[in-house]
Amino acid sequence: MMKKEYILILLAFLIIGCSKVKTKNSHSDVQVVSVKRLAFQKPDNWADKFYSKTIFKVRNPKLLQNYQQMDGICKGSEFDFVTDYQATEPYPIKFKKEMVTIATRDGFSKKVYVSKGVCRELALLKAPKTSKEGNIRINIKELNILYIYNFGSFVKDITFRTAFDDVEFFVE
């Protein structure tokens, strides 16, 4: 009988030991999932419940920064664009932390955040014309600014007039 008791006690320790390991692994899996969820936290904005998109369509804007200023902005720090009214994950392309200013002839002016790609294209627009080929970008024909209430204004896309009448250059 004593042998049966030892076997039962040994069996109980094995079962309890395995369940502890299982519980420990399950707990660490839960921690990993929690960490991944914390990586993306969308800012809470009252407008999320009111709008799907708000966009300014701006025709013939002028960029107020010069080439040196744009070059500095483009080389500057960046942030993740983590909100859109119904965003479920961060936008994959980062935006520059320093804003650029656009204005129109009729008095509209706005400071906007630009993505890395748009920043590069705006800097090239303002670049000195030193090469034989020249600059294909003549000026900005139109840009769309995603306007997020209480959060900021972000250039969604931009269309440049080019040196060719039949060609426009679109960047998103």
C-alpha atoms as a PDB file:
ATOM      1  CA  MET A   1       0.000   0.000   0.000  1.00  0.00           C
ATOM      2  CA  MET A   2       2.803   2.347   0.761  1.00  0.00           C
ATOM      3  CA  LYS A   3       4.063   1.966  -2.786  1.00  0.00           C
ATOM      4  CA  LYS A   4       0.660   3.004  -4.179  1.00  0.00           C
ATOM      5  CA  GLU A   5       0.652   6.122  -1.960  1.00  0.00           C
ATOM      6  CA  TYR A   6       4.117   7.149  -3.182  1.00  0.00           C
ATOM      7  CA  ILE A   7       3.045   6.664  -6.773  1.00  0.00           C
ATOM      8  CA  LEU A   8      -0.101   8.736  -6.222  1.00  0.00           C
ATOM      9  CA  ILE A   9       1.880  11.496  -4.476  1.00  0.00           C
ATOM     10  CA  LEU A  10       4.484  11.479  -7.261  1.00  0.00           C
ATOM     11  CA  LEU A  11       1.727  11.583  -9.878  1.00  0.00           C
ATOM     12  CA  ALA A  12       0.056  14.511  -8.069  1.00  0.00           C
ATOM     13  CA  PHE A  13       3.364  16.461  -8.001  1.00  0.00           C
ATOM     14  CA  LEU A  14       3.845  15.867 -11.716  1.00  0.00           C
ATOM     15  CA  ILE A  15       0.336  17.025 -12.558  1.00  0.00           C
ATOM     16  CA  ILE A  16       0.635  20.115 -10.331  1.00  0.00           C
ATOM     17  CA  GLY A  17       4.117  20.870 -11.705  1.00  0.00           C
ATOM     18  CA  CYS A  18       2.928  20.628 -15.322  1.00  0.00           C
ATOM     19  CA  SER A  19      -0.074  22.807 -14.651  1.00  0.00           C
ATOM     20  CA  LYS A  20       2.183  25.450 -13.060  1.00  0.00           C
ATOM     21  CA  VAL A  21       4.402  25.497 -16.144  1.00  0.00           C
ATOM     22  CA  LYS A  22       1.346  25.701 -18.391  1.00  0.00           C
ATOM     23  CA  THR A  23      -0.069  28.569 -16.322  1.00  0.00           C
ATOM     24  CA  LYS A  24       3.270  30.355 -16.348  1.00  0.00           C
ATOM     25  CA  ASN A  25       3.590  30.071 -20.141  1.00  0.00           C
ATOM     26  CA  SER A  26      -0.006  31.192 -20.634  1.00  0.00           C
ATOM     27  CA  HIS A  27       0.631  34.198 -18.395  1.00  0.00           C
ATOM     28  CA  SER A  28       3.751  35.238 -20.325  1.00  0.00           C
ATOM     29  CA  ASP A  29       1.831  34.914 -23.621  1.00  0.00           C
ATOM     30  CA  VAL A  30      -0.796  37.279 -22.237  1.00  0.00           C
ATOM     31  CA  GLN A  31       1.933  39.756 -21.250  1.00  0.00           C
ATOM     32  CA  VAL A  32       3.375  39.699 -24.782  1.00  0.00           C
ATOM     33  CA  VAL A  33      -0.061  40.383 -26.285  1.00  0.00           C
ATOM     34  CA  SER A  34      -0.585  43.266 -23.832  1.00  0.00           C
ATOM     35  CA  VAL A  35       2.749  44.835 -24.785  1.00  0.00           C
ATOM     36  CA  LYS A  36       1.858  44.655 -28.488  1.00  0.00           C
ATOM     37  CA  ARG A  37      -1.479  46.336 -27.829  1.00  0.00           C
ATOM     38  CA  LEU A  38       0.162  49.134 -25.852  1.00  0.00           C
ATOM     39  CA  ALA A  39       2.455  49.949 -28.776  1.00  0.00           C
ATOM     40  CA  PHE A  40      -0.493  51.536 -30.640  1.00  0.00           C
ATOM     41  CA  GLN A  41      -2.826  53.727 -28.675  1.00  0.00           C
ATOM     42  CA  LYS A  42      -5.005  55.978 -30.785  1.00  0.00           C
ATOM     43  CA  PRO A  43      -5.616  59.380 -29.196  1.00  0.00           C
ATOM     44  CA  ASP A  44      -9.190  59.802 -28.000  1.00  0.00           C
ATOM     45  CA  ASN A  45     -10.789  62.577 -30.024  1.00  0.00           C
ATOM     46  CA  TRP A  46     -14.438  63.643 -29.770  1.00  0.00           C
ATOM     47  CA  ALA A  47     -14.545  64.034 -33.561  1.00  0.00           C
ATOM     48  CA  ASP A  48     -13.895  60.286 -34.054  1.00  0.00           C
ATOM     49  CA  LYS A  49     -17.619  59.742 -33.489  1.00  0.00           C
ATOM     50  CA  PHE A  50     -18.680  62.522 -35.888  1.00  0.00           C
ATOM     51  CA  TYR A  51     -16.532  62.283 -39.029  1.00  0.00           C
ATOM     52  CA  SER A  52     -14.821  59.806 -41.272  1.00  0.00           C
ATOM     53  CA  LYS A  53     -12.632  62.464 -42.999  1.00  0.00           C
ATOM     54  CA  THR A  54     -12.265  66.214 -43.134  1.00  0.00           C
ATOM     55  CA  ILE A  55     -10.039  67.505 -45.935  1.00  0.00           C
ATOM     56  CA  PHE A  56      -9.000  70.925 -47.184  1.00  0.00           C
ATOM     57  CA  LYS A  57      -8.549  70.918 -50.970  1.00  0.00           C
ATOM     58  CA  VAL A  58      -6.103  73.735 -51.656  1.00  0.00           C
ATOM     59  CA  ARG A  59      -5.374  74.914 -55.205  1.00  0.00           C
ATOM     60  CA  ASN A  60      -2.293  76.898 -56.215  1.00  0.00           C
ATOM     61  CA  PRO A  61      -0.704  77.132 -52.752  1.00  0.00           C
ATOM     62  CA  LYS A  62       2.714  78.613 -52.140  1.00  0.00           C
ATOM     63  CA  LEU A  63       5.233  77.048 -49.793  1.00  0.00           C
ATOM     64  CA  LEU A  64       6.569  79.768 -47.488  1.00  0.00           C
ATOM     65  CA  GLN A  65       9.813  77.999 -46.488  1.00  0.00           C
ATOM     66  CA  ASN A  66      12.948  78.298 -48.606  1.00  0.00           C
ATOM     67  CA  TYR A  67      15.244  75.420 -49.617  1.00  0.00           C
ATOM     68  CA  GLN A  68      17.492  75.631 -46.522  1.00  0.00           C
ATOM     69  CA  GLN A  69      14.503  75.619 -44.181  1.00  0.00           C
ATOM     70  CA  MET A  70      12.915  72.676 -46.005  1.00  0.00           C
ATOM     71  CA  ASP A  71      16.187  70.764 -45.972  1.00  0.00           C
ATOM     72  CA  GLY A  72      16.394  71.267 -42.193  1.00  0.00           C
ATOM     73  CA  ILE A  73      12.801  70.109 -41.694  1.00  0.00           C
ATOM     74  CA  CYS A  74      13.367  67.035 -43.849  1.00  0.00           C
ATOM     75  CA  LYS A  75      16.490  66.094 -41.863  1.00  0.00           C
ATOM     76  CA  GLY A  76      14.670  66.671 -38.560  1.00  0.00           C
ATOM     77  CA  SER A  77      12.915  64.272 -36.249  1.00  0.00           C
ATOM     78  CA  GLU A  78       9.749  62.340 -37.068  1.00  0.00           C
ATOM     79  CA  PHE A  79       6.682  60.881 -35.401  1.00  0.00           C
ATOM     80  CA  ASP A  80       4.160  58.146 -36.115  1.00  0.00           C
ATOM     81  CA  PHE A  81       0.898  59.362 -37.557  1.00  0.00           C
ATOM     82  CA  VAL A  82      -1.428  57.444 -35.269  1.00  0.00           C
ATOM     83  CA  THR A  83      -4.816  58.974 -35.819  1.00  0.00           C
ATOM     84  CA  ASP A  84      -7.372  59.191 -38.509  1.00  0.00           C
ATOM     85  CA  TYR A  85     -10.949  59.396 -37.443  1.00  0.00           C
ATOM     86  CA  GLN A  86     -11.439  55.617 -37.558  1.00  0.00           C
ATOM     87  CA  ALA A  87      -7.790  54.536 -37.405  1.00  0.00           C
ATOM     88  CA  THR A  88      -7.110  50.992 -36.328  1.00  0.00           C
ATOM     89  CA  GLU A  89      -3.317  51.070 -36.606  1.00  0.00           C
ATOM     90  CA  PRO A  90      -0.552  53.626 -37.173  1.00  0.00           C
ATOM     91  CA  TYR A  91       0.086  54.933 -40.667  1.00  0.00           C
ATOM     92  CA  PRO A  92       3.191  53.157 -42.004  1.00  0.00           C
ATOM     93  CA  ILE A  93       4.968  56.339 -43.127  1.00  0.00           C
ATOM     94  CA  LYS A  94       6.314  58.768 -40.529  1.00  0.00           C
ATOM     95  CA  PHE A  95       5.626  62.504 -40.518  1.00  0.00           C
ATOM     96  CA  LYS A  96       8.127  65.281 -39.792  1.00  0.00           C
ATOM     97  CA  LYS A  97       7.739  66.934 -36.370  1.00  0.00           C
ATOM     98  CA  GLU A  98       8.351  70.463 -37.662  1.00  0.00           C
ATOM     99  CA  MET A  99       5.452  71.913 -39.615  1.00  0.00           C
ATOM    100  CA  VAL A 100       5.616  73.713 -42.957  1.00  0.00           C
ATOM    101  CA  THR A 101       3.451  76.683 -43.902  1.00  0.00           C
ATOM    102  CA  ILE A 102       1.420  76.923 -47.071  1.00  0.00           C
ATOM    103  CA  ALA A 103      -0.586  79.939 -48.197  1.00  0.00           C
ATOM    104  CA  THR A 104      -2.803  81.001 -51.082  1.00  0.00           C
ATOM    105  CA  ARG A 105      -3.158  84.364 -52.822  1.00  0.00           C
ATOM    106  CA  ASP A 106      -6.609  84.887 -51.326  1.00  0.00           C
ATOM    107  CA  GLY A 107      -5.316  84.805 -47.729  1.00  0.00           C
ATOM    108  CA  PHE A 108      -5.675  81.162 -46.661  1.00  0.00           C
ATOM    109  CA  SER A 109      -2.657  80.047 -44.628  1.00  0.00           C
ATOM    110  CA  LYS A 110      -2.064  76.821 -42.738  1.00  0.00           C
ATOM    111  CA  LYS A 111       0.744  75.070 -40.890  1.00  0.00           C
ATOM    112  CA  VAL A 112       0.807  71.413 -41.861  1.00  0.00           C
ATOM    113  CA  TYR A 113       2.699  68.245 -41.051  1.00  0.00           C
ATOM    114  CA  VAL A 114       4.251  66.509 -44.040  1.00  0.00           C
ATOM    115  CA  SER A 115       5.364  62.942 -44.576  1.00  0.00           C
ATOM    116  CA  LYS A 116       8.997  62.158 -45.312  1.00  0.00           C
ATOM    117  CA  GLY A 117       8.238  61.765 -49.037  1.00  0.00           C
ATOM    118  CA  VAL A 118       6.230  64.973 -49.371  1.00  0.00           C
ATOM    119  CA  CYS A 119       8.956  66.828 -47.445  1.00  0.00           C
ATOM    120  CA  ARG A 120      11.560  65.585 -49.917  1.00  0.00           C
ATOM    121  CA  GLU A 121       9.469  66.677 -52.904  1.00  0.00           C
ATOM    122  CA  LEU A 122       8.845  70.130 -51.419  1.00  0.00           C
ATOM    123  CA  ALA A 123      12.565  70.531 -50.765  1.00  0.00           C
ATOM    124  CA  LEU A 124      13.283  69.551 -54.387  1.00  0.00           C
ATOM    125  CA  LEU A 125      10.706  72.115 -55.537  1.00  0.00           C
ATOM    126  CA  LYS A 126      12.643  74.807 -53.648  1.00  0.00           C
ATOM    127  CA  ALA A 127      16.097  73.470 -54.598  1.00  0.00           C
ATOM    128  CA  PRO A 128      18.410  75.781 -56.551  1.00  0.00           C
ATOM    129  CA  LYS A 129      18.204  75.141 -60.293  1.00  0.00           C
ATOM    130  CA  THR A 130      21.815  74.157 -60.940  1.00  0.00           C
ATOM    131  CA  SER A 131      21.628  71.044 -63.110  1.00  0.00           C
ATOM    132  CA  LYS A 132      21.339  70.984 -66.896  1.00  0.00           C
ATOM    133  CA  GLU A 133      18.065  69.052 -66.648  1.00  0.00           C
ATOM    134  CA  GLY A 134      16.444  71.621 -64.360  1.00  0.00           C
ATOM    135  CA  ASN A 135      13.643  70.873 -61.947  1.00  0.00           C
ATOM    136  CA  ILE A 136      10.626  68.960 -63.232  1.00  0.00           C
ATOM    137  CA  ARG A 137       8.483  70.519 -60.462  1.00  0.00           C
ATOM    138  CA  ILE A 138       7.336  74.028 -61.488  1.00  0.00           C
ATOM    139  CA  ASN A 139       4.895  74.745 -58.656  1.00  0.00           C
ATOM    140  CA  ILE A 140       2.176  73.141 -56.564  1.00  0.00           C
ATOM    141  CA  LYS A 141      -1.071  72.731 -58.463  1.00  0.00           C
ATOM    142  CA  GLU A 142      -3.095  71.257 -55.595  1.00  0.00           C
ATOM    143  CA  LEU A 143      -2.752  69.595 -52.247  1.00  0.00           C
ATOM    144  CA  ASN A 144      -5.171  67.842 -49.951  1.00  0.00           C
ATOM    145  CA  ILE A 145      -4.805  68.405 -46.234  1.00  0.00           C
ATOM    146  CA  LEU A 146      -6.314  65.875 -43.866  1.00  0.00           C
ATOM    147  CA  TYR A 147      -7.633  67.997 -41.009  1.00  0.00           C
ATOM    148  CA  ILE A 148      -8.102  66.196 -37.676  1.00  0.00           C
ATOM    149  CA  TYR A 149      -9.961  68.353 -35.143  1.00  0.00           C
ATOM    150  CA  ASN A 150      -7.882  69.089 -32.020  1.00  0.00           C
ATOM    151  CA  PHE A 151      -4.965  67.081 -33.381  1.00  0.00           C
ATOM    152  CA  GLY A 152      -3.439  68.618 -36.503  1.00  0.00           C
ATOM    153  CA  SER A 153      -3.341  69.081 -40.275  1.00  0.00           C
ATOM    154  CA  PHE A 154      -1.513  66.548 -42.435  1.00  0.00           C
ATOM    155  CA  VAL A 155      -0.700  66.744 -46.147  1.00  0.00           C
ATOM    156  CA  LYS A 156      -2.430  63.707 -47.623  1.00  0.00           C
ATOM    157  CA  ASP A 157      -1.275  64.192 -51.205  1.00  0.00           C
ATOM    158  CA  ILE A 158       0.181  66.824 -53.476  1.00  0.00           C
ATOM    159  CA  THR A 159       0.095  67.465 -57.229  1.00  0.00           C
ATOM    160  CA  PHE A 160       2.865  69.453 -58.917  1.00  0.00           C
ATOM    161  CA  ARG A 161       2.721  71.223 -62.246  1.00  0.00           C
ATOM    162  CA  THR A 162       5.691  70.163 -64.317  1.00  0.00           C
ATOM    163  CA  ALA A 163       7.771  71.592 -67.098  1.00  0.00           C
ATOM    164  CA  PHE A 164       5.559  69.571 -69.487  1.00  0.00           C
ATOM    165  CA  ASP A 165       2.043  70.819 -70.232  1.00  0.00           C
ATOM    166  CA  ASP A 166       0.646  67.285 -70.462  1.00  0.00           C
ATOM    167  CA  VAL A 167       2.282  65.971 -67.269  1.00  0.00           C
ATOM    168  CA  GLU A 168       1.454  66.423 -63.596  1.00  0.00           C
ATOM    169  CA  PHE A 169       3.457  64.846 -60.758  1.00  0.00           C
ATOM    170  CA  PHE A 170       1.274  63.326 -58.006  1.00  0.00           C
ATOM    171  CA  VAL A 171       2.730  62.292 -54.610  1.00  0.00           C
ATOM    172  CA  GLU A 172       0.812  60.519 -51.856  1.00  0.00           C
END
